[in-house]
Amino acid sequence: MIVRINHVRKARLCNRGAREWFARQGWNWQEFLDNGIDADLLIATEDPYALRAVEAARPVVDSE
């Protein structure tokens, strides 16, 4: 699953904070904006905010 900037926004995370967090991880912010990032990389960090973005990217399942 790919996490994109719209998922970061949907999770109500700060864009500036997310950018700074990416820099601390050594990840390219522009590449993320262009292509997204694999959810497994975010999950591996065990960061609660990263996990919120992953949850926001999960497809909604109709419970009917």
N, C-alpha and C. Protein backbone atom coordinates (compact mmCIF):
# COMPACT_ATOMS: atom_id res chain seq x y z
N MET A 1 0.85 -1.17 0.00
CA MET A 1 0.00 0.00 0.00
C MET A 1 0.90 1.24 0.00
N ILE A 2 0.48 2.23 -0.75
CA ILE A 2 1.23 3.47 -0.84
C ILE A 2 0.52 4.56 -0.03
N VAL A 3 1.30 5.27 0.76
CA VAL A 3 0.80 6.40 1.54
C VAL A 3 1.22 7.66 0.79
N ARG A 4 0.28 8.57 0.61
CA ARG A 4 0.52 9.81 -0.13
C ARG A 4 0.22 11.02 0.76
N ILE A 5 0.57 12.18 0.24
CA ILE A 5 0.39 13.41 1.01
C ILE A 5 -1.07 13.62 1.40
N ASN A 6 -2.01 13.20 0.56
CA ASN A 6 -3.41 13.38 0.93
C ASN A 6 -3.76 12.53 2.15
N HIS A 7 -3.07 11.43 2.37
CA HIS A 7 -3.31 10.61 3.56
C HIS A 7 -2.76 11.31 4.80
N VAL A 8 -1.62 11.97 4.64
CA VAL A 8 -1.05 12.75 5.75
C VAL A 8 -2.05 13.83 6.16
N ARG A 9 -2.63 14.49 5.17
CA ARG A 9 -3.63 15.53 5.46
C ARG A 9 -4.88 14.93 6.08
N LYS A 10 -5.33 13.80 5.53
CA LYS A 10 -6.52 13.14 6.06
C LYS A 10 -6.33 12.75 7.53
N ALA A 11 -5.11 12.38 7.89
CA ALA A 11 -4.79 12.02 9.28
C ALA A 11 -4.63 13.27 10.15
N ARG A 12 -4.80 14.45 9.53
CA ARG A 12 -4.70 15.73 10.23
C ARG A 12 -3.32 15.95 10.84
N LEU A 13 -2.30 15.56 10.07
CA LEU A 13 -0.92 15.75 10.50
C LEU A 13 -0.38 17.03 9.87
N CYS A 14 0.50 17.68 10.56
CA CYS A 14 1.10 18.92 10.11
C CYS A 14 2.07 18.65 8.96
N ASN A 15 1.87 19.35 7.85
CA ASN A 15 2.73 19.19 6.68
C ASN A 15 4.18 19.53 7.01
N ARG A 16 4.39 20.62 7.71
CA ARG A 16 5.74 21.04 8.07
C ARG A 16 6.41 20.01 8.98
N GLY A 17 5.66 19.52 9.97
CA GLY A 17 6.20 18.50 10.86
C GLY A 17 6.51 17.21 10.13
N ALA A 18 5.65 16.84 9.19
CA ALA A 18 5.88 15.63 8.40
C ALA A 18 7.14 15.77 7.57
N ARG A 19 7.33 16.94 6.99
CA ARG A 19 8.53 17.19 6.17
C ARG A 19 9.80 17.08 7.02
N GLU A 20 9.76 17.68 8.20
CA GLU A 20 10.91 17.60 9.11
C GLU A 20 11.16 16.16 9.55
N TRP A 21 10.09 15.42 9.80
CA TRP A 21 10.21 14.02 10.20
C TRP A 21 10.86 13.21 9.08
N PHE A 22 10.43 13.44 7.85
CA PHE A 22 11.03 12.76 6.70
C PHE A 22 12.53 13.03 6.64
N ALA A 23 12.92 14.28 6.85
CA ALA A 23 14.34 14.65 6.82
C ALA A 23 15.12 13.88 7.89
N ARG A 24 14.54 13.75 9.08
CA ARG A 24 15.22 13.00 10.15
C ARG A 24 15.37 11.53 9.79
N GLN A 25 14.43 11.00 9.00
CA GLN A 25 14.51 9.60 8.57
C GLN A 25 15.49 9.43 7.41
N GLY A 26 15.89 10.54 6.80
CA GLY A 26 16.78 10.49 5.63
C GLY A 26 16.03 10.20 4.34
N TRP A 27 14.73 10.48 4.34
CA TRP A 27 13.89 10.23 3.18
C TRP A 27 13.68 11.52 2.40
N ASN A 28 13.50 11.37 1.09
CA ASN A 28 13.34 12.50 0.19
C ASN A 28 11.88 12.96 0.17
N TRP A 29 11.65 14.18 0.62
CA TRP A 29 10.30 14.71 0.70
C TRP A 29 9.68 14.87 -0.69
N GLN A 30 10.45 15.40 -1.64
CA GLN A 30 9.91 15.61 -2.98
C GLN A 30 9.53 14.28 -3.63
N GLU A 31 10.33 13.26 -3.41
CA GLU A 31 10.00 11.93 -3.94
C GLU A 31 8.69 11.43 -3.33
N PHE A 32 8.51 11.69 -2.05
CA PHE A 32 7.25 11.33 -1.39
C PHE A 32 6.08 12.06 -2.03
N LEU A 33 6.24 13.36 -2.24
CA LEU A 33 5.16 14.14 -2.85
C LEU A 33 4.83 13.62 -4.25
N ASP A 34 5.85 13.23 -4.99
CA ASP A 34 5.66 12.76 -6.36
C ASP A 34 5.09 11.35 -6.44
N ASN A 35 5.55 10.47 -5.54
CA ASN A 35 5.26 9.04 -5.69
C ASN A 35 4.64 8.37 -4.48
N GLY A 36 4.60 9.04 -3.34
CA GLY A 36 4.15 8.39 -2.12
C GLY A 36 5.27 7.54 -1.54
N ILE A 37 4.94 6.81 -0.49
CA ILE A 37 5.91 5.95 0.18
C ILE A 37 5.21 4.66 0.59
N ASP A 38 5.94 3.58 0.57
CA ASP A 38 5.38 2.29 0.94
C ASP A 38 5.01 2.31 2.43
N ALA A 39 3.80 1.89 2.72
CA ALA A 39 3.32 1.89 4.10
C ALA A 39 4.21 1.06 5.02
N ASP A 40 4.81 0.00 4.50
CA ASP A 40 5.66 -0.84 5.34
C ASP A 40 6.85 -0.07 5.91
N LEU A 41 7.37 0.90 5.15
CA LEU A 41 8.48 1.72 5.67
C LEU A 41 8.00 2.57 6.84
N LEU A 42 6.80 3.11 6.73
CA LEU A 42 6.26 3.91 7.83
C LEU A 42 5.95 3.05 9.04
N ILE A 43 5.38 1.89 8.80
CA ILE A 43 5.04 0.97 9.89
C ILE A 43 6.30 0.56 10.65
N ALA A 44 7.38 0.32 9.92
CA ALA A 44 8.63 -0.12 10.54
C ALA A 44 9.21 0.90 11.52
N THR A 45 8.86 2.18 11.35
CA THR A 45 9.37 3.20 12.27
C THR A 45 8.69 3.13 13.63
N GLU A 46 7.50 2.52 13.68
CA GLU A 46 6.68 2.44 14.89
C GLU A 46 6.32 3.82 15.45
N ASP A 47 6.43 4.84 14.64
CA ASP A 47 6.08 6.20 15.05
C ASP A 47 4.56 6.35 15.02
N PRO A 48 3.97 6.82 16.10
CA PRO A 48 2.51 6.93 16.15
C PRO A 48 1.92 7.81 15.05
N TYR A 49 2.61 8.87 14.69
CA TYR A 49 2.11 9.74 13.63
C TYR A 49 2.20 9.07 12.27
N ALA A 50 3.27 8.34 12.04
CA ALA A 50 3.40 7.58 10.79
C ALA A 50 2.29 6.54 10.69
N LEU A 51 1.99 5.91 11.81
CA LEU A 51 0.93 4.91 11.82
C LEU A 51 -0.44 5.53 11.56
N ARG A 52 -0.63 6.77 12.00
CA ARG A 52 -1.88 7.47 11.69
C ARG A 52 -2.03 7.70 10.19
N ALA A 53 -0.94 8.06 9.53
CA ALA A 53 -0.98 8.25 8.08
C ALA A 53 -1.28 6.95 7.37
N VAL A 54 -0.71 5.85 7.86
CA VAL A 54 -0.98 4.53 7.27
C VAL A 54 -2.46 4.20 7.43
N GLU A 55 -3.00 4.43 8.61
CA GLU A 55 -4.42 4.14 8.83
C GLU A 55 -5.31 4.98 7.91
N ALA A 56 -4.91 6.22 7.69
CA ALA A 56 -5.69 7.09 6.80
C ALA A 56 -5.65 6.59 5.36
N ALA A 57 -4.61 5.85 5.00
CA ALA A 57 -4.48 5.34 3.64
C ALA A 57 -5.24 4.03 3.41
N ARG A 58 -5.62 3.38 4.48
CA ARG A 58 -6.34 2.10 4.33
C ARG A 58 -7.67 2.32 3.66
N PRO A 59 -8.02 1.44 2.74
CA PRO A 59 -9.32 1.59 2.07
C PRO A 59 -10.47 1.39 3.05
N VAL A 60 -11.52 2.12 2.82
CA VAL A 60 -12.72 1.98 3.64
C VAL A 60 -13.46 0.72 3.17
N VAL A 61 -13.79 -0.12 4.13
CA VAL A 61 -14.49 -1.36 3.82
C VAL A 61 -15.95 -1.19 4.20
N ASP A 62 -16.82 -1.46 3.26
CA ASP A 62 -18.25 -1.36 3.51
C ASP A 62 -18.66 -2.56 4.37
N SER A 63 -19.29 -2.31 5.50
CA SER A 63 -19.62 -3.38 6.44
C SER A 63 -21.01 -3.97 6.23
N GLU A 64 -21.61 -3.75 5.10
CA GLU A 64 -22.96 -4.31 4.85
C GLU A 64 -22.94 -5.81 4.76
